[in-house]
PDB file of N, CA and C in Angstrom:
ATOM      1  N   MET A   1      72.337 -90.621  47.307  1.00  0.00           N
ATOM      2  CA  MET A   1      73.547 -91.375  47.562  1.00  0.00           C
ATOM      3  C   MET A   1      74.207 -90.820  48.825  1.00  0.00           C
ATOM      4  N   GLU A   2      74.237 -91.597  49.862  1.00  0.00           N
ATOM      5  CA  GLU A   2      74.716 -91.142  51.156  1.00  0.00           C
ATOM      6  C   GLU A   2      76.239 -91.121  51.277  1.00  0.00           C
ATOM      7  N   THR A   3      76.956 -91.679  50.316  1.00  0.00           N
ATOM      8  CA  THR A   3      78.409 -91.697  50.418  1.00  0.00           C
ATOM      9  C   THR A   3      79.018 -90.342  50.096  1.00  0.00           C
ATOM     10  N   MET A   4      78.219 -89.448  49.537  1.00  0.00           N
ATOM     11  CA  MET A   4      78.712 -88.110  49.241  1.00  0.00           C
ATOM     12  C   MET A   4      78.038 -87.136  50.186  1.00  0.00           C
ATOM     13  N   TYR A   5      78.813 -86.254  50.723  1.00  0.00           N
ATOM     14  CA  TYR A   5      78.232 -85.238  51.579  1.00  0.00           C
ATOM     15  C   TYR A   5      79.012 -83.955  51.413  1.00  0.00           C
ATOM     16  N   TYR A   6      78.400 -82.884  51.823  1.00  0.00           N
ATOM     17  CA  TYR A   6      79.004 -81.566  51.716  1.00  0.00           C
ATOM     18  C   TYR A   6      79.226 -81.047  53.119  1.00  0.00           C
ATOM     19  N   LYS A   7      80.385 -80.494  53.359  1.00  0.00           N
ATOM     20  CA  LYS A   7      80.694 -79.971  54.677  1.00  0.00           C
ATOM     21  C   LYS A   7      81.354 -78.614  54.510  1.00  0.00           C
ATOM     22  N   ARG A   8      80.829 -77.604  55.173  1.00  0.00           N
ATOM     23  CA  ARG A   8      81.421 -76.271  55.109  1.00  0.00           C
ATOM     24  C   ARG A   8      82.346 -76.130  56.309  1.00  0.00           C
ATOM     25  N   GLY A   9      83.617 -75.936  56.035  1.00  0.00           N
ATOM     26  CA  GLY A   9      84.592 -75.825  57.092  1.00  0.00           C
ATOM     27  C   GLY A   9      84.902 -74.382  57.420  1.00  0.00           C
ATOM     28  N   ILE A  10      85.799 -74.192  58.347  1.00  0.00           N
ATOM     29  CA  ILE A  10      86.198 -72.852  58.756  1.00  0.00           C
ATOM     30  C   ILE A  10      86.739 -72.071  57.569  1.00  0.00           C
ATOM     31  N   SER A  11      87.439 -72.736  56.698  1.00  0.00           N
ATOM     32  CA  SER A  11      88.037 -72.065  55.549  1.00  0.00           C
ATOM     33  C   SER A  11      87.101 -72.008  54.348  1.00  0.00           C
ATOM     34  N   SER A  12      85.867 -72.360  54.541  1.00  0.00           N
ATOM     35  CA  SER A  12      84.840 -72.320  53.485  1.00  0.00           C
ATOM     36  C   SER A  12      85.192 -73.199  52.292  1.00  0.00           C
ATOM     37  N   LYS A  13      85.915 -74.256  52.537  1.00  0.00           N
ATOM     38  CA  LYS A  13      86.262 -75.180  51.452  1.00  0.00           C
ATOM     39  C   LYS A  13      85.265 -76.318  51.408  1.00  0.00           C
ATOM     40  N   GLN A  14      85.044 -76.833  50.228  1.00  0.00           N
ATOM     41  CA  GLN A  14      84.122 -77.942  50.057  1.00  0.00           C
ATOM     42  C   GLN A  14      84.870 -79.262  50.262  1.00  0.00           C
ATOM     43  N   ILE A  15      84.215 -80.175  50.949  1.00  0.00           N
ATOM     44  CA  ILE A  15      84.788 -81.507  51.136  1.00  0.00           C
ATOM     45  C   ILE A  15      83.758 -82.516  50.654  1.00  0.00           C
ATOM     46  N   PHE A  16      84.098 -83.246  49.630  1.00  0.00           N
ATOM     47  CA  PHE A  16      83.227 -84.303  49.138  1.00  0.00           C
ATOM     48  C   PHE A  16      83.887 -85.630  49.449  1.00  0.00           C
ATOM     49  N   ASN A  17      83.190 -86.456  50.183  1.00  0.00           N
ATOM     50  CA  ASN A  17      83.715 -87.774  50.525  1.00  0.00           C
ATOM     51  C   ASN A  17      83.354 -88.733  49.402  1.00  0.00           C
ATOM     52  N   ILE A  18      84.306 -88.983  48.523  1.00  0.00           N
ATOM     53  CA  ILE A  18      84.047 -89.910  47.419  1.00  0.00           C
ATOM     54  C   ILE A  18      84.942 -91.138  47.531  1.00  0.00           C
ATOM     55  N   SER A  19      85.454 -91.373  48.731  1.00  0.00           N
ATOM     56  CA  SER A  19      86.378 -92.491  48.909  1.00  0.00           C
ATOM     57  C   SER A  19      85.717 -93.837  48.605  1.00  0.00           C
ATOM     58  N   GLU A  20      84.403 -93.934  48.804  1.00  0.00           N
ATOM     59  CA  GLU A  20      83.721 -95.203  48.554  1.00  0.00           C
ATOM     60  C   GLU A  20      83.284 -95.350  47.108  1.00  0.00           C
ATOM     61  N   LEU A  21      83.495 -94.339  46.311  1.00  0.00           N
ATOM     62  CA  LEU A  21      83.050 -94.390  44.921  1.00  0.00           C
ATOM     63  C   LEU A  21      84.204 -94.768  44.013  1.00  0.00           C
ATOM     64  N   ASP A  22      84.050 -95.856  43.311  1.00  0.00           N
ATOM     65  CA  ASP A  22      85.024 -96.191  42.284  1.00  0.00           C
ATOM     66  C   ASP A  22      84.479 -95.682  40.949  1.00  0.00           C
ATOM     67  N   ASP A  23      85.184 -95.920  39.877  1.00  0.00           N
ATOM     68  CA  ASP A  23      84.763 -95.416  38.568  1.00  0.00           C
ATOM     69  C   ASP A  23      83.381 -95.920  38.166  1.00  0.00           C
ATOM     70  N   ASP A  24      83.072 -97.181  38.491  1.00  0.00           N
ATOM     71  CA  ASP A  24      81.761 -97.730  38.133  1.00  0.00           C
ATOM     72  C   ASP A  24      80.641 -96.996  38.859  1.00  0.00           C
ATOM     73  N   ASN A  25      80.831 -96.757  40.148  1.00  0.00           N
ATOM     74  CA  ASN A  25      79.813 -96.048  40.919  1.00  0.00           C
ATOM     75  C   ASN A  25      79.707 -94.595  40.485  1.00  0.00           C
ATOM     76  N   LEU A  26      80.819 -94.002  40.132  1.00  0.00           N
ATOM     77  CA  LEU A  26      80.806 -92.611  39.702  1.00  0.00           C
ATOM     78  C   LEU A  26      79.963 -92.452  38.443  1.00  0.00           C
ATOM     79  N   CYS A  27      79.997 -93.447  37.576  1.00  0.00           N
ATOM     80  CA  CYS A  27      79.185 -93.409  36.351  1.00  0.00           C
ATOM     81  C   CYS A  27      77.697 -93.526  36.655  1.00  0.00           C
ATOM     82  N   ASN A  28      77.349 -94.051  37.814  1.00  0.00           N
ATOM     83  CA  ASN A  28      75.945 -94.255  38.169  1.00  0.00           C
ATOM     84  C   ASN A  28      75.327 -93.078  38.916  1.00  0.00           C
ATOM     85  N   ILE A  29      76.093 -92.022  39.133  1.00  0.00           N
ATOM     86  CA  ILE A  29      75.543 -90.851  39.811  1.00  0.00           C
ATOM     87  C   ILE A  29      74.529 -90.194  38.880  1.00  0.00           C
ATOM     88  N   SER A  30      73.399 -89.856  39.421  1.00  0.00           N
ATOM     89  CA  SER A  30      72.349 -89.258  38.595  1.00  0.00           C
ATOM     90  C   SER A  30      72.699 -87.813  38.249  1.00  0.00           C
ATOM     91  N   ASN A  31      72.065 -87.320  37.205  1.00  0.00           N
ATOM     92  CA  ASN A  31      72.259 -85.920  36.820  1.00  0.00           C
ATOM     93  C   ASN A  31      71.848 -84.990  37.951  1.00  0.00           C
ATOM     94  N   TYR A  32      70.794 -85.363  38.673  1.00  0.00           N
ATOM     95  CA  TYR A  32      70.338 -84.550  39.796  1.00  0.00           C
ATOM     96  C   TYR A  32      71.433 -84.439  40.856  1.00  0.00           C
ATOM     97  N   GLU A  33      72.074 -85.564  41.176  1.00  0.00           N
ATOM     98  CA  GLU A  33      73.143 -85.548  42.175  1.00  0.00           C
ATOM     99  C   GLU A  33      74.326 -84.713  41.699  1.00  0.00           C
ATOM    100  N   LEU A  34      74.688 -84.845  40.435  1.00  0.00           N
ATOM    101  CA  LEU A  34      75.784 -84.043  39.892  1.00  0.00           C
ATOM    102  C   LEU A  34      75.431 -82.563  39.898  1.00  0.00           C
ATOM    103  N   ASP A  35      74.213 -82.234  39.475  1.00  0.00           N
ATOM    104  CA  ASP A  35      73.767 -80.842  39.495  1.00  0.00           C
ATOM    105  C   ASP A  35      73.778 -80.286  40.909  1.00  0.00           C
ATOM    106  N   SER A  36      73.354 -81.099  41.848  1.00  0.00           N
ATOM    107  CA  SER A  36      73.338 -80.681  43.244  1.00  0.00           C
ATOM    108  C   SER A  36      74.750 -80.389  43.745  1.00  0.00           C
ATOM    109  N   MET A  37      75.691 -81.261  43.406  1.00  0.00           N
ATOM    110  CA  MET A  37      77.086 -81.047  43.800  1.00  0.00           C
ATOM    111  C   MET A  37      77.628 -79.764  43.181  1.00  0.00           C
ATOM    112  N   VAL A  38      77.378 -79.572  41.904  1.00  0.00           N
ATOM    113  CA  VAL A  38      77.862 -78.380  41.204  1.00  0.00           C
ATOM    114  C   VAL A  38      77.249 -77.129  41.815  1.00  0.00           C
ATOM    115  N   ASP A  39      75.956 -77.177  42.117  1.00  0.00           N
ATOM    116  CA  ASP A  39      75.287 -76.025  42.724  1.00  0.00           C
ATOM    117  C   ASP A  39      75.896 -75.670  44.076  1.00  0.00           C
ATOM    118  N   ARG A  40      76.184 -76.687  44.892  1.00  0.00           N
ATOM    119  CA  ARG A  40      76.775 -76.423  46.209  1.00  0.00           C
ATOM    120  C   ARG A  40      78.163 -75.819  46.073  1.00  0.00           C
ATOM    121  N   VAL A  41      78.960 -76.359  45.166  1.00  0.00           N
ATOM    122  CA  VAL A  41      80.307 -75.832  44.963  1.00  0.00           C
ATOM    123  C   VAL A  41      80.237 -74.411  44.426  1.00  0.00           C
ATOM    124  N   THR A  42      79.353 -74.180  43.463  1.00  0.00           N
ATOM    125  CA  THR A  42      79.203 -72.845  42.890  1.00  0.00           C
ATOM    126  C   THR A  42      78.784 -71.847  43.953  1.00  0.00           C
ATOM    127  N   GLU A  43      77.807 -72.212  44.761  1.00  0.00           N
ATOM    128  CA  GLU A  43      77.341 -71.319  45.821  1.00  0.00           C
ATOM    129  C   GLU A  43      78.459 -71.018  46.812  1.00  0.00           C
ATOM    130  N   SER A  44      79.210 -72.031  47.162  1.00  0.00           N
ATOM    131  CA  SER A  44      80.304 -71.838  48.104  1.00  0.00           C
ATOM    132  C   SER A  44      81.397 -70.948  47.518  1.00  0.00           C
ATOM    133  N   ILE A  45      81.703 -71.137  46.251  1.00  0.00           N
ATOM    134  CA  ILE A  45      82.709 -70.297  45.593  1.00  0.00           C
ATOM    135  C   ILE A  45      82.242 -68.851  45.562  1.00  0.00           C
ATOM    136  N   LEU A  46      80.982 -68.632  45.203  1.00  0.00           N
ATOM    137  CA  LEU A  46      80.447 -67.269  45.175  1.00  0.00           C
ATOM    138  C   LEU A  46      80.430 -66.647  46.569  1.00  0.00           C
ATOM    139  N   ASP A  47      80.102 -67.439  47.590  1.00  0.00           N
ATOM    140  CA  ASP A  47      80.154 -66.949  48.971  1.00  0.00           C
ATOM    141  C   ASP A  47      81.570 -66.531  49.345  1.00  0.00           C
ATOM    142  N   GLU A  48      82.536 -67.346  48.964  1.00  0.00           N
ATOM    143  CA  GLU A  48      83.933 -67.038  49.282  1.00  0.00           C
ATOM    144  C   GLU A  48      84.391 -65.788  48.548  1.00  0.00           C
ATOM    145  N   ILE A  49      84.004 -65.631  47.293  1.00  0.00           N
ATOM    146  CA  ILE A  49      84.356 -64.423  46.537  1.00  0.00           C
ATOM    147  C   ILE A  49      83.754 -63.200  47.212  1.00  0.00           C
ATOM    148  N   SER A  50      82.493 -63.282  47.597  1.00  0.00           N
ATOM    149  CA  SER A  50      81.836 -62.166  48.286  1.00  0.00           C
ATOM    150  C   SER A  50      82.537 -61.845  49.600  1.00  0.00           C
ATOM    151  N   ARG A  51      82.931 -62.884  50.322  1.00  0.00           N
ATOM    152  CA  ARG A  51      83.632 -62.685  51.594  1.00  0.00           C
ATOM    153  C   ARG A  51      84.970 -61.996  51.369  1.00  0.00           C
ATOM    154  N   GLN A  52      85.710 -62.427  50.354  1.00  0.00           N
ATOM    155  CA  GLN A  52      87.004 -61.824  50.059  1.00  0.00           C
ATOM    156  C   GLN A  52      86.847 -60.370  49.618  1.00  0.00           C
ATOM    157  N   ILE A  53      85.797 -60.070  48.853  1.00  0.00           N
ATOM    158  CA  ILE A  53      85.533 -58.687  48.441  1.00  0.00           C
ATOM    159  C   ILE A  53      85.235 -57.832  49.663  1.00  0.00           C
ATOM    160  N   ALA A  54      84.419 -58.341  50.577  1.00  0.00           N
ATOM    161  CA  ALA A  54      84.089 -57.601  51.795  1.00  0.00           C
ATOM    162  C   ALA A  54      85.340 -57.342  52.631  1.00  0.00           C
ATOM    163  N   ILE A  55      86.208 -58.331  52.743  1.00  0.00           N
ATOM    164  CA  ILE A  55      87.461 -58.164  53.493  1.00  0.00           C
ATOM    165  C   ILE A  55      88.332 -57.111  52.827  1.00  0.00           C
ATOM    166  N   ALA A  56      88.453 -57.175  51.507  1.00  0.00           N
ATOM    167  CA  ALA A  56      89.275 -56.206  50.775  1.00  0.00           C
ATOM    168  C   ALA A  56      88.724 -54.793  50.935  1.00  0.00           C
ATOM    169  N   LYS A  57      87.406 -54.646  50.875  1.00  0.00           N
ATOM    170  CA  LYS A  57      86.800 -53.321  51.058  1.00  0.00           C
ATOM    171  C   LYS A  57      87.074 -52.786  52.456  1.00  0.00           C
ATOM    172  N   GLU A  58      86.949 -53.649  53.456  1.00  0.00           N
ATOM    173  CA  GLU A  58      87.209 -53.231  54.834  1.00  0.00           C
ATOM    174  C   GLU A  58      88.669 -52.813  55.006  1.00  0.00           C
ATOM    175  N   GLU A  59      89.586 -53.584  54.435  1.00  0.00           N
ATOM    176  CA  GLU A  59      91.005 -53.228  54.514  1.00  0.00           C
ATOM    177  C   GLU A  59      91.269 -51.906  53.809  1.00  0.00           C
ATOM    178  N   GLN A  60      90.614 -51.700  52.672  1.00  0.00           N
ATOM    179  CA  GLN A  60      90.782 -50.453  51.930  1.00  0.00           C
ATOM    180  C   GLN A  60      90.266 -49.272  52.756  1.00  0.00           C
ATOM    181  N   HIS A  61      89.132 -49.443  53.424  1.00  0.00           N
ATOM    182  CA  HIS A  61      88.588 -48.379  54.265  1.00  0.00           C
ATOM    183  C   HIS A  61      89.525 -48.083  55.429  1.00  0.00           C
ATOM    184  N   GLN A  62      90.085 -49.131  56.032  1.00  0.00           N
ATOM    185  CA  GLN A  62      91.008 -48.940  57.145  1.00  0.00           C
ATOM    186  C   GLN A  62      92.254 -48.187  56.701  1.00  0.00           C
ATOM    187  N   LYS A  63      92.801 -48.543  55.539  1.00  0.00           N
ATOM    188  CA  LYS A  63      93.984 -47.851  55.028  1.00  0.00           C
ATOM    189  C   LYS A  63      93.664 -46.400  54.725  1.00  0.00           C
ATOM    190  N   LEU A  64      92.498 -46.136  54.168  1.00  0.00           N
ATOM    191  CA  LEU A  64      92.086 -44.773  53.870  1.00  0.00           C
ATOM    192  C   LEU A  64      91.929 -43.974  55.158  1.00  0.00           C
ATOM    193  N   ASP A  65      91.320 -44.576  56.174  1.00  0.00           N
ATOM    194  CA  ASP A  65      91.175 -43.907  57.469  1.00  0.00           C
ATOM    195  C   ASP A  65      92.537 -43.607  58.085  1.00  0.00           C
ATOM    196  N   GLU A  66      93.476 -44.560  57.996  1.00  0.00           N
ATOM    197  CA  GLU A  66      94.822 -44.347  58.526  1.00  0.00           C
ATOM    198  C   GLU A  66      95.514 -43.202  57.798  1.00  0.00           C
ATOM    199  N   LYS A  67      95.359 -43.154  56.492  1.00  0.00           N
ATOM    200  CA  LYS A  67      95.980 -42.095  55.702  1.00  0.00           C
ATOM    201  C   LYS A  67      95.386 -40.743  56.065  1.00  0.00           C
ATOM    202  N   ILE A  68      94.077 -40.690  56.244  1.00  0.00           N
ATOM    203  CA  ILE A  68      93.425 -39.435  56.635  1.00  0.00           C
ATOM    204  C   ILE A  68      93.927 -38.994  58.001  1.00  0.00           C
ATOM    205  N   ASN A  69      94.060 -39.929  58.940  1.00  0.00           N
ATOM    206  CA  ASN A  69      94.548 -39.600  60.280  1.00  0.00           C
ATOM    207  C   ASN A  69      95.997 -39.125  60.244  1.00  0.00           C
ATOM    208  N   GLU A  70      96.818 -39.706  59.379  1.00  0.00           N
ATOM    209  CA  GLU A  70      98.213 -39.283  59.256  1.00  0.00           C
ATOM    210  C   GLU A  70      98.317 -37.879  58.679  1.00  0.00           C
ATOM    211  N   ASP A  71      97.429 -37.554  57.747  1.00  0.00           N
ATOM    212  CA  ASP A  71      97.466 -36.247  57.093  1.00  0.00           C
ATOM    213  C   ASP A  71      96.989 -35.128  58.003  1.00  0.00           C
ATOM    214  N   GLN A  72      96.264 -35.461  59.051  1.00  0.00           N
ATOM    215  CA  GLN A  72      95.735 -34.411  59.934  1.00  0.00           C
ATOM    216  C   GLN A  72      96.726 -33.976  60.935  1.00  0.00           C
TER     217      GLN A  72
END
């Protein structure tokens, strides 16, 4: 179904274009298409969580380095 697409933006948010899908068409989406959508969203969410963890770790290291430098 070409009316749905996935786009990864700068903010790592998912954008699904479902403007052309009404309730009748939504009921006709195959399980494969739904699974595919869920997989993409899940992967993107996990990527974002990993990215946020990496950022938090880097910030924690920077704060620790600053504290060590202040103590010296």
